[in-house]
N, C-alpha and C. Protein backbone atom coordinates (compact mmCIF):
# COMPACT_ATOMS: atom_id res chain seq x y z
N LEU A 1 0.81 -1.20 -0.23
CA LEU A 1 0.02 -0.17 0.04
C LEU A 1 0.95 1.38 0.00
N GLN A 2 0.19 2.35 -0.61
CA GLN A 2 0.88 3.76 -0.71
C GLN A 2 -0.01 4.53 0.48
N ALA A 3 0.95 5.14 0.51
CA ALA A 3 0.34 6.68 1.37
C ALA A 3 -0.77 6.93 0.81
N GLY A 4 -2.15 7.20 1.27
CA GLY A 4 -3.52 7.91 0.44
C GLY A 4 -4.21 6.66 -0.45
N ASP A 5 -4.25 5.10 -0.45
CA ASP A 5 -4.87 4.27 -1.07
C ASP A 5 -5.90 4.26 -0.25
N VAL A 6 -6.97 3.73 -0.75
CA VAL A 6 -8.15 3.65 0.42
C VAL A 6 -8.10 2.21 -0.26
N VAL A 7 -8.66 1.36 0.89
CA VAL A 7 -9.39 -0.30 0.65
C VAL A 7 -10.41 -0.15 0.95
N MET A 8 -11.56 -1.05 0.47
CA MET A 8 -13.13 -0.55 1.09
C MET A 8 -13.45 -2.52 0.65
N LEU A 9 -14.05 -2.91 1.83
CA LEU A 9 -14.71 -4.11 1.97
C LEU A 9 -16.31 -3.58 2.08
N CYS A 10 -17.03 -4.58 1.36
CA CYS A 10 -18.38 -4.50 1.09
C CYS A 10 -19.13 -5.32 1.18
N SER A 11 -20.12 -5.51 1.32
CA SER A 11 -21.48 -6.55 1.26
C SER A 11 -21.97 -5.99 -0.08
N ASP A 12 -22.97 -6.94 -0.59
CA ASP A 12 -23.13 -6.59 -1.97
C ASP A 12 -24.78 -5.66 -2.04
N GLY A 13 -25.08 -5.31 -1.03
CA GLY A 13 -25.79 -4.22 -0.62
C GLY A 13 -25.58 -2.90 -1.38
N LEU A 14 -24.45 -2.51 -1.49
CA LEU A 14 -23.41 -1.46 -1.94
C LEU A 14 -24.10 -1.82 -3.13
N VAL A 15 -22.97 -2.62 -3.90
CA VAL A 15 -22.47 -3.05 -5.29
C VAL A 15 -24.13 -2.94 -6.17
N LYS A 16 -25.01 -3.43 -5.41
CA LYS A 16 -26.53 -3.35 -6.24
C LYS A 16 -26.93 -2.32 -6.39
N SER A 17 -26.78 -1.57 -5.52
CA SER A 17 -27.66 0.03 -5.65
C SER A 17 -26.50 1.34 -6.47
N VAL A 18 -25.34 0.88 -5.82
CA VAL A 18 -24.49 2.09 -6.13
C VAL A 18 -23.21 2.07 -6.99
N PRO A 19 -23.48 2.50 -8.10
CA PRO A 19 -22.36 2.08 -9.09
C PRO A 19 -21.34 2.40 -9.38
N ASP A 20 -20.34 1.69 -9.77
CA ASP A 20 -18.47 1.64 -9.41
C ASP A 20 -18.12 2.79 -9.03
N ALA A 21 -18.55 4.14 -10.11
CA ALA A 21 -17.86 5.15 -10.11
C ALA A 21 -18.47 6.03 -8.91
N ALA A 22 -19.26 5.89 -8.70
CA ALA A 22 -19.65 6.53 -7.25
C ALA A 22 -19.34 6.25 -5.85
N ILE A 23 -18.73 4.72 -6.02
CA ILE A 23 -18.06 4.16 -5.04
C ILE A 23 -17.31 4.72 -4.78
N ARG A 24 -16.11 5.24 -6.00
CA ARG A 24 -14.91 5.36 -5.82
C ARG A 24 -14.78 6.82 -5.51
N SER A 25 -15.88 7.34 -6.26
CA SER A 25 -15.64 9.37 -5.98
C SER A 25 -15.99 9.26 -4.48
N ILE A 26 -16.99 8.92 -3.91
CA ILE A 26 -17.59 8.78 -2.13
C ILE A 26 -16.35 8.68 -1.44
N ALA A 27 -16.02 7.10 -1.50
CA ALA A 27 -14.37 6.57 -0.65
C ALA A 27 -13.78 7.79 -0.93
N ALA A 28 -12.89 8.50 -2.11
CA ALA A 28 -12.07 8.88 -2.26
C ALA A 28 -12.00 10.19 -1.67
N ASN A 29 -13.24 10.75 -1.49
CA ASN A 29 -13.81 12.31 -1.61
C ASN A 29 -13.72 12.40 -0.03
N HIS A 30 -14.04 11.96 0.90
CA HIS A 30 -14.44 12.19 2.33
C HIS A 30 -12.93 12.54 3.20
N GLU A 31 -13.28 13.08 4.04
CA GLU A 31 -12.27 13.45 4.96
C GLU A 31 -11.54 12.58 5.71
N SER A 32 -12.42 11.15 6.34
CA SER A 32 -11.84 10.34 7.12
C SER A 32 -12.70 8.88 6.31
N ALA A 33 -11.88 7.80 7.11
CA ALA A 33 -12.63 6.60 6.13
C ALA A 33 -13.92 6.33 6.94
N GLN A 34 -14.25 6.54 8.28
CA GLN A 34 -15.62 6.97 8.79
C GLN A 34 -16.65 7.12 8.00
N SER A 35 -16.34 8.76 7.56
CA SER A 35 -17.29 9.59 7.17
C SER A 35 -17.56 8.96 5.69
N ALA A 36 -16.63 7.91 4.88
CA ALA A 36 -16.66 7.54 3.64
C ALA A 36 -17.82 6.30 3.88
N ALA A 37 -17.64 5.49 4.87
CA ALA A 37 -18.10 4.10 4.71
C ALA A 37 -19.63 4.92 5.21
N ASP A 38 -19.89 5.79 6.09
CA ASP A 38 -21.14 6.16 6.50
C ASP A 38 -21.86 6.85 5.22
N ALA A 39 -20.81 7.48 4.62
CA ALA A 39 -22.05 8.19 3.02
C ALA A 39 -22.26 7.10 1.94
N LEU A 40 -21.35 6.11 2.11
CA LEU A 40 -21.97 4.88 1.32
C LEU A 40 -22.97 3.84 1.57
N VAL A 41 -23.27 4.23 3.07
CA VAL A 41 -24.48 3.09 3.10
C VAL A 41 -25.27 4.22 3.10
N GLU A 42 -25.52 5.26 3.36
CA GLU A 42 -26.21 6.19 3.06
C GLU A 42 -26.74 6.15 1.76
N ARG A 43 -25.97 6.65 0.79
CA ARG A 43 -26.14 6.31 -0.47
C ARG A 43 -26.64 5.32 -0.74
N SER A 44 -26.47 3.97 -0.44
CA SER A 44 -27.25 2.79 -0.89
C SER A 44 -28.68 3.08 -0.25
N LEU A 45 -29.41 3.17 1.02
CA LEU A 45 -30.45 3.19 1.34
C LEU A 45 -31.27 4.05 0.61
N HIS A 46 -30.43 5.36 0.74
CA HIS A 46 -30.86 6.62 -0.26
C HIS A 46 -31.52 6.22 -1.41
N ASP A 47 -30.92 4.96 -1.75
CA ASP A 47 -30.91 4.63 -3.67
C ASP A 47 -31.86 3.78 -3.10
N GLY A 48 -32.61 3.36 -2.32
CA GLY A 48 -33.64 2.34 -2.23
C GLY A 48 -33.28 0.71 -1.71
N GLU A 49 -31.76 0.52 -1.77
CA GLU A 49 -31.76 -0.57 -1.07
C GLU A 49 -32.30 -1.25 -0.27
N GLN A 50 -32.66 -2.52 0.00
CA GLN A 50 -33.54 -3.39 0.89
C GLN A 50 -32.74 -4.52 1.47
N ASP A 51 -31.85 -4.58 1.01
CA ASP A 51 -30.69 -5.52 1.77
C ASP A 51 -29.83 -5.24 2.77
N ASN A 52 -29.08 -6.19 2.79
CA ASN A 52 -28.05 -5.34 4.50
C ASN A 52 -27.09 -4.68 3.76
N VAL A 53 -26.70 -3.86 4.33
CA VAL A 53 -25.45 -2.90 3.66
C VAL A 53 -24.45 -2.89 4.80
N THR A 54 -23.11 -3.22 3.90
CA THR A 54 -21.81 -3.16 5.45
C THR A 54 -20.72 -2.59 4.32
N VAL A 55 -20.04 -1.44 4.95
CA VAL A 55 -19.10 -1.10 4.29
C VAL A 55 -17.99 -1.31 5.39
N VAL A 56 -16.81 -1.06 5.15
CA VAL A 56 -15.66 -0.93 5.77
C VAL A 56 -14.55 -0.16 4.90
N VAL A 57 -13.77 0.57 5.32
CA VAL A 57 -12.95 1.68 4.64
C VAL A 57 -12.00 1.82 5.57
N ALA A 58 -11.00 1.55 5.31
CA ALA A 58 -9.28 2.04 5.77
C ALA A 58 -8.52 2.51 4.58
N ARG A 59 -7.75 3.62 5.13
CA ARG A 59 -6.61 4.47 4.33
C ARG A 59 -5.68 4.35 4.94
N ALA A 60 -4.90 4.08 3.96
CA ALA A 60 -3.21 3.87 4.52
C ALA A 60 -2.44 5.46 4.66
N SER A 61 -2.16 5.69 5.78
CA SER A 61 -1.37 6.91 6.45
C SER A 61 0.12 7.04 5.25
N LYS A 62 0.49 8.15 5.85
CA LYS A 62 1.79 8.91 5.43
C LYS A 62 3.09 7.69 5.72
N GLY A 63 2.83 7.36 6.88
CA GLY A 63 3.78 6.35 7.60
C GLY A 63 3.43 5.03 7.21
N ALA A 64 2.50 5.17 6.35
CA ALA A 64 2.83 3.27 5.96
C ALA A 64 3.58 3.12 5.41
N PRO A 65 4.53 2.00 5.23
CA PRO A 65 5.48 1.39 4.79
C PRO A 65 5.32 0.97 3.60
N LYS A 66 6.51 1.19 2.11
CA LYS A 66 6.13 0.90 1.18
C LYS A 66 5.68 -0.73 1.00
N ALA A 67 5.38 -0.84 0.19
CA ALA A 67 5.36 -2.34 -0.31
C ALA A 67 6.73 -3.05 -0.86
N ASP A 68 6.97 -3.74 -0.46
CA ASP A 68 8.52 -4.92 -1.07
C ASP A 68 8.10 -5.70 -1.71
N SER A 69 9.08 -5.98 -2.82
CA SER A 69 8.62 -7.09 -3.79
C SER A 69 9.23 -8.60 -3.24
N SER A 70 9.74 -8.60 -2.39
CA SER A 70 10.00 -9.51 -1.77
C SER A 70 8.87 -10.47 -0.76
N THR A 71 8.16 -9.31 -0.27
CA THR A 71 7.33 -9.71 0.64
C THR A 71 6.21 -10.88 0.17
N VAL A 72 6.22 -12.02 1.50
CA VAL A 72 5.33 -13.18 0.85
C VAL A 72 4.18 -12.76 1.94
N LEU A 73 3.21 -13.51 1.32
CA LEU A 73 1.48 -13.50 2.53
C LEU A 73 1.63 -15.06 1.99
N ARG A 74 1.08 -15.29 3.51
CA ARG A 74 0.62 -16.57 3.57
C ARG A 74 -0.38 -16.86 4.03
N ARG A 75 -1.43 -17.75 3.49
CA ARG A 75 -3.00 -18.15 3.82
C ARG A 75 -3.24 -19.55 4.44
N ARG A 76 -3.72 -19.65 5.39
CA ARG A 76 -3.88 -21.07 5.93
C ARG A 76 -5.03 -21.71 5.21
C-alpha cells in the first residue's frame, strides 16, 4: 500500500445499488474513512437498497511502509 490508498470491503447491498464510479468518488473524497463508510451506506439506502449494507473503509497513512517485492503473504 502507498500513502493515500483506500481499501474498501463491502457487502453486495452496496454494489447492487450504487454504481462503481460513485463508490470510488465517495470513498476517495471524504475526510475520514469513517465518514466515507457512513456516506456509502447512506447513499445505498437513499437509492432504495432493501438488502443489508455493510461497508468498511481503510486508508493508508503517510507513515505506511512501502510494498516490498520480496514480501510473501501466506494463508492457511
